[in-house]
N, C-alpha and C. Protein backbone atom coordinates (compact mmCIF):
# COMPACT_ATOMS: atom_id res chain seq x y z
N MET A 1 -11.25 2.56 3.59
CA MET A 1 -10.22 3.07 2.73
C MET A 1 -9.26 1.95 2.31
N GLN A 2 -8.90 1.09 3.26
CA GLN A 2 -7.98 0.00 2.93
C GLN A 2 -8.59 -0.95 1.91
N ASN A 3 -9.90 -1.17 1.98
CA ASN A 3 -10.55 -2.04 1.00
C ASN A 3 -10.46 -1.47 -0.40
N ILE A 4 -10.59 -0.16 -0.52
CA ILE A 4 -10.55 0.48 -1.84
C ILE A 4 -9.18 0.34 -2.48
N VAL A 5 -8.11 0.59 -1.71
CA VAL A 5 -6.76 0.56 -2.28
C VAL A 5 -6.10 -0.82 -2.17
N GLY A 6 -6.72 -1.74 -1.48
CA GLY A 6 -6.19 -3.10 -1.40
C GLY A 6 -5.05 -3.29 -0.43
N GLY A 7 -5.01 -2.51 0.64
CA GLY A 7 -3.94 -2.66 1.63
C GLY A 7 -3.84 -1.42 2.50
N LEU A 8 -2.67 -1.28 3.12
CA LEU A 8 -2.43 -0.13 3.97
C LEU A 8 -2.49 1.16 3.15
N ILE A 9 -3.08 2.20 3.73
CA ILE A 9 -3.20 3.43 2.97
C ILE A 9 -1.98 4.32 3.13
N GLN A 10 -1.70 5.07 2.08
CA GLN A 10 -0.66 6.09 2.10
C GLN A 10 -1.29 7.37 1.56
N PRO A 11 -1.37 8.41 2.38
CA PRO A 11 -1.84 9.68 1.83
C PRO A 11 -0.67 10.44 1.20
N ILE A 12 -0.90 10.95 0.01
CA ILE A 12 0.07 11.83 -0.66
C ILE A 12 -0.63 13.17 -0.75
N TYR A 13 -0.09 14.15 -0.05
CA TYR A 13 -0.76 15.44 0.02
C TYR A 13 -0.43 16.28 -1.20
N LEU A 14 -1.47 16.62 -1.95
CA LEU A 14 -1.34 17.47 -3.12
C LEU A 14 -1.61 18.90 -2.68
N ASP A 15 -1.36 19.84 -3.55
CA ASP A 15 -1.70 21.22 -3.18
C ASP A 15 -3.21 21.35 -3.07
N ASP A 16 -3.68 22.48 -2.60
CA ASP A 16 -5.12 22.71 -2.61
C ASP A 16 -5.87 21.93 -1.53
N SER A 17 -5.18 21.50 -0.48
CA SER A 17 -5.81 20.76 0.63
C SER A 17 -6.48 19.47 0.18
N VAL A 18 -5.79 18.76 -0.69
CA VAL A 18 -6.30 17.49 -1.22
C VAL A 18 -5.27 16.40 -0.97
N ALA A 19 -5.75 15.22 -0.59
CA ALA A 19 -4.88 14.05 -0.42
C ALA A 19 -5.25 12.99 -1.44
N LEU A 20 -4.24 12.40 -2.04
CA LEU A 20 -4.40 11.24 -2.89
C LEU A 20 -4.12 10.04 -1.99
N ILE A 21 -5.08 9.13 -1.90
CA ILE A 21 -4.94 7.96 -1.02
C ILE A 21 -4.68 6.74 -1.91
N CYS A 22 -3.54 6.08 -1.66
CA CYS A 22 -3.18 4.90 -2.45
C CYS A 22 -2.65 3.81 -1.51
N ASN A 23 -2.29 2.68 -2.09
CA ASN A 23 -1.74 1.57 -1.33
C ASN A 23 -0.30 1.89 -0.97
N ASP A 24 0.03 1.84 0.30
CA ASP A 24 1.37 2.16 0.79
C ASP A 24 2.44 1.25 0.19
N GLU A 25 2.08 0.04 -0.18
CA GLU A 25 3.04 -0.92 -0.72
C GLU A 25 2.77 -1.23 -2.19
N GLY A 26 2.08 -0.32 -2.87
CA GLY A 26 1.69 -0.56 -4.26
C GLY A 26 2.85 -0.90 -5.18
N LYS A 27 3.96 -0.20 -5.05
CA LYS A 27 5.12 -0.48 -5.89
C LYS A 27 5.77 -1.81 -5.50
N LEU A 28 5.88 -2.06 -4.19
CA LEU A 28 6.48 -3.32 -3.73
C LEU A 28 5.65 -4.54 -4.15
N MET A 29 4.32 -4.32 -4.26
CA MET A 29 3.42 -5.41 -4.65
C MET A 29 3.29 -5.53 -6.17
N ASN A 30 4.07 -4.71 -6.89
CA ASN A 30 4.03 -4.68 -8.35
C ASN A 30 2.64 -4.40 -8.90
N LEU A 31 1.90 -3.51 -8.21
CA LEU A 31 0.60 -3.09 -8.75
C LEU A 31 0.85 -2.28 -10.01
N THR A 32 -0.11 -2.25 -10.87
CA THR A 32 0.01 -1.56 -12.16
C THR A 32 0.21 -0.06 -11.96
N ALA A 33 1.18 0.49 -12.70
CA ALA A 33 1.38 1.94 -12.67
C ALA A 33 0.10 2.60 -13.17
N ASN A 34 -0.38 3.58 -12.43
CA ASN A 34 -1.68 4.18 -12.72
C ASN A 34 -1.55 5.59 -13.26
N ARG A 35 -0.97 6.50 -12.49
CA ARG A 35 -0.85 7.90 -12.91
C ARG A 35 0.47 8.48 -12.41
N GLY A 36 1.02 9.38 -13.21
CA GLY A 36 2.20 10.12 -12.79
C GLY A 36 1.79 11.34 -11.99
N LEU A 37 2.55 11.62 -10.95
CA LEU A 37 2.36 12.84 -10.18
C LEU A 37 3.40 13.84 -10.67
N ARG A 38 2.95 15.05 -10.99
CA ARG A 38 3.82 16.03 -11.60
C ARG A 38 4.00 17.26 -10.71
N ASN A 39 5.19 17.87 -10.83
CA ASN A 39 5.44 19.12 -10.11
C ASN A 39 4.87 20.29 -10.91
N SER A 40 5.10 21.50 -10.46
CA SER A 40 4.53 22.67 -11.12
C SER A 40 5.10 22.89 -12.53
N ASP A 41 6.24 22.26 -12.84
CA ASP A 41 6.82 22.34 -14.18
C ASP A 41 6.34 21.23 -15.09
N GLY A 42 5.47 20.36 -14.58
CA GLY A 42 4.95 19.26 -15.39
C GLY A 42 5.83 18.03 -15.41
N GLN A 43 6.90 18.03 -14.61
CA GLN A 43 7.81 16.88 -14.56
C GLN A 43 7.30 15.85 -13.54
N ILE A 44 7.35 14.59 -13.92
CA ILE A 44 6.91 13.52 -13.02
C ILE A 44 7.90 13.37 -11.87
N TYR A 45 7.37 13.39 -10.64
CA TYR A 45 8.22 13.17 -9.47
C TYR A 45 7.90 11.85 -8.78
N ASP A 46 6.78 11.23 -9.14
CA ASP A 46 6.42 9.93 -8.56
C ASP A 46 5.34 9.31 -9.44
N ILE A 47 5.14 8.02 -9.28
CA ILE A 47 4.10 7.30 -10.01
C ILE A 47 3.25 6.56 -8.99
N VAL A 48 1.94 6.74 -9.09
CA VAL A 48 1.00 6.03 -8.22
C VAL A 48 0.73 4.67 -8.85
N CYS A 49 0.90 3.62 -8.08
CA CYS A 49 0.65 2.26 -8.56
C CYS A 49 -0.59 1.71 -7.87
N GLY A 50 -1.50 1.15 -8.66
CA GLY A 50 -2.72 0.59 -8.12
C GLY A 50 -3.83 1.62 -8.03
N THR A 51 -4.92 1.19 -7.41
CA THR A 51 -6.10 2.03 -7.26
C THR A 51 -5.83 3.16 -6.27
N PHE A 52 -6.39 4.33 -6.56
CA PHE A 52 -6.29 5.45 -5.64
C PHE A 52 -7.58 6.24 -5.67
N PHE A 53 -7.75 7.11 -4.68
CA PHE A 53 -8.86 8.05 -4.69
C PHE A 53 -8.40 9.35 -4.06
N LEU A 54 -9.16 10.40 -4.28
CA LEU A 54 -8.83 11.71 -3.75
C LEU A 54 -9.85 12.11 -2.70
N CYS A 55 -9.40 12.86 -1.72
CA CYS A 55 -10.31 13.39 -0.70
C CYS A 55 -9.75 14.70 -0.18
N GLY A 56 -10.61 15.45 0.50
CA GLY A 56 -10.17 16.69 1.10
C GLY A 56 -9.28 16.42 2.30
N ALA A 57 -8.29 17.28 2.51
CA ALA A 57 -7.38 17.17 3.66
C ALA A 57 -7.09 18.57 4.18
N PRO A 58 -8.11 19.19 4.78
CA PRO A 58 -7.90 20.56 5.28
C PRO A 58 -6.80 20.60 6.33
N PRO A 59 -5.94 21.62 6.28
CA PRO A 59 -4.83 21.69 7.24
C PRO A 59 -5.28 21.84 8.69
N ASP A 60 -6.47 22.35 8.93
CA ASP A 60 -6.94 22.56 10.30
C ASP A 60 -7.86 21.44 10.79
N CYS A 61 -7.78 20.28 10.14
CA CYS A 61 -8.69 19.18 10.43
C CYS A 61 -7.88 17.89 10.61
N ASP A 62 -8.31 17.01 11.51
CA ASP A 62 -7.57 15.76 11.73
C ASP A 62 -8.20 14.57 11.02
N HIS A 63 -9.09 14.83 10.05
CA HIS A 63 -9.67 13.73 9.28
C HIS A 63 -9.90 14.20 7.84
N PHE A 64 -10.10 13.25 6.96
CA PHE A 64 -10.34 13.55 5.56
C PHE A 64 -11.79 14.00 5.37
N THR A 65 -12.01 14.79 4.33
CA THR A 65 -13.33 15.33 4.04
C THR A 65 -13.67 15.11 2.56
N SER A 66 -14.87 15.52 2.20
CA SER A 66 -15.27 15.50 0.80
C SER A 66 -14.55 16.61 0.04
N LEU A 67 -14.39 16.41 -1.26
CA LEU A 67 -13.83 17.46 -2.10
C LEU A 67 -14.90 18.51 -2.37
N THR A 68 -14.47 19.74 -2.60
CA THR A 68 -15.40 20.79 -3.02
C THR A 68 -15.71 20.58 -4.50
N PRO A 69 -16.79 21.16 -5.01
CA PRO A 69 -17.07 21.04 -6.45
C PRO A 69 -15.90 21.56 -7.32
N GLU A 70 -15.23 22.60 -6.88
CA GLU A 70 -14.10 23.13 -7.64
C GLU A 70 -12.93 22.13 -7.67
N GLN A 71 -12.67 21.50 -6.53
CA GLN A 71 -11.61 20.49 -6.48
C GLN A 71 -11.97 19.29 -7.35
N ILE A 72 -13.21 18.87 -7.30
CA ILE A 72 -13.65 17.74 -8.13
C ILE A 72 -13.39 18.04 -9.60
N GLU A 73 -13.75 19.22 -10.05
CA GLU A 73 -13.55 19.58 -11.45
C GLU A 73 -12.06 19.65 -11.80
N ARG A 74 -11.26 20.26 -10.94
CA ARG A 74 -9.83 20.38 -11.21
C ARG A 74 -9.17 19.00 -11.34
N TYR A 75 -9.43 18.13 -10.39
CA TYR A 75 -8.76 16.83 -10.40
C TYR A 75 -9.40 15.85 -11.38
N ARG A 76 -10.66 16.05 -11.72
CA ARG A 76 -11.27 15.25 -12.78
C ARG A 76 -10.52 15.50 -14.08
N LYS A 77 -10.23 16.76 -14.37
CA LYS A 77 -9.48 17.11 -15.58
C LYS A 77 -8.05 16.56 -15.51
N GLN A 78 -7.42 16.69 -14.35
CA GLN A 78 -6.03 16.26 -14.20
C GLN A 78 -5.86 14.76 -14.38
N PHE A 79 -6.77 13.97 -13.83
CA PHE A 79 -6.61 12.51 -13.85
C PHE A 79 -7.52 11.81 -14.85
N TYR A 80 -8.20 12.55 -15.71
CA TYR A 80 -9.16 11.96 -16.64
C TYR A 80 -8.52 10.98 -17.63
N THR A 81 -7.41 11.38 -18.23
CA THR A 81 -6.79 10.57 -19.28
C THR A 81 -5.87 9.51 -18.68
N PRO A 82 -6.13 8.23 -19.00
CA PRO A 82 -5.23 7.16 -18.53
C PRO A 82 -3.82 7.36 -19.09
N GLU A 83 -2.84 6.85 -18.38
CA GLU A 83 -1.45 6.96 -18.82
C GLU A 83 -0.83 5.57 -18.94
N MET A 84 0.14 5.47 -19.86
CA MET A 84 0.86 4.23 -20.07
C MET A 84 2.33 4.49 -19.73
N PHE A 85 2.95 3.54 -19.03
CA PHE A 85 4.33 3.68 -18.58
C PHE A 85 5.16 2.51 -19.11
N TRP A 86 6.40 2.78 -19.49
CA TRP A 86 7.33 1.72 -19.81
C TRP A 86 8.76 2.23 -19.65
N GLY A 87 9.69 1.28 -19.49
CA GLY A 87 11.09 1.64 -19.32
C GLY A 87 11.80 1.75 -20.65
N MET A 88 12.64 2.79 -20.79
CA MET A 88 13.41 2.97 -22.01
C MET A 88 14.73 3.65 -21.65
N ASP A 89 15.85 3.00 -21.99
CA ASP A 89 17.17 3.57 -21.73
C ASP A 89 17.37 3.96 -20.26
N GLY A 90 16.90 3.13 -19.34
CA GLY A 90 17.08 3.38 -17.93
C GLY A 90 16.16 4.45 -17.36
N ARG A 91 15.19 4.89 -18.14
CA ARG A 91 14.23 5.90 -17.68
C ARG A 91 12.82 5.35 -17.81
N ILE A 92 11.90 5.94 -17.09
CA ILE A 92 10.50 5.58 -17.24
C ILE A 92 9.84 6.62 -18.14
N VAL A 93 9.17 6.12 -19.17
CA VAL A 93 8.48 6.99 -20.12
C VAL A 93 6.98 6.89 -19.84
N CYS A 94 6.32 8.03 -19.88
CA CYS A 94 4.89 8.10 -19.61
C CYS A 94 4.21 8.81 -20.77
N LEU A 95 3.19 8.16 -21.33
CA LEU A 95 2.41 8.77 -22.40
C LEU A 95 0.93 8.66 -22.08
N PRO A 96 0.17 9.71 -22.39
CA PRO A 96 -1.28 9.63 -22.19
C PRO A 96 -1.89 8.67 -23.22
N LEU A 97 -2.92 7.95 -22.80
CA LEU A 97 -3.65 7.07 -23.70
C LEU A 97 -4.89 7.82 -24.17
N GLU A 98 -4.95 8.10 -25.43
CA GLU A 98 -6.12 8.80 -25.96
C GLU A 98 -7.30 7.86 -25.99
N THR A 99 -8.42 8.34 -25.50
CA THR A 99 -9.65 7.55 -25.49
C THR A 99 -10.72 8.29 -26.28
N ASP A 100 -11.63 7.54 -26.82
CA ASP A 100 -12.73 8.15 -27.57
C ASP A 100 -13.87 8.49 -26.66
């Protein structure tokens, strides 16, 4: 896992028994902003910097697991479109990058 994210891992637990695994020091290392994490209202509450991956994190289990086919489809749709970030007026702006 550390090889994939390029350092110490940080699990960010999403709903649906899924963990997003990223580099714990991604922001400190100035890794490229990758995706915004949004709350149920669609507002960004954090930005994942650097490479990440998703895995199952069942509440009754002490290790990560594979995603179910339903989870794969849900998160494939959620993270499919790349995002671009930049600072404007003291805020971070995030826009999806349309791809062909």
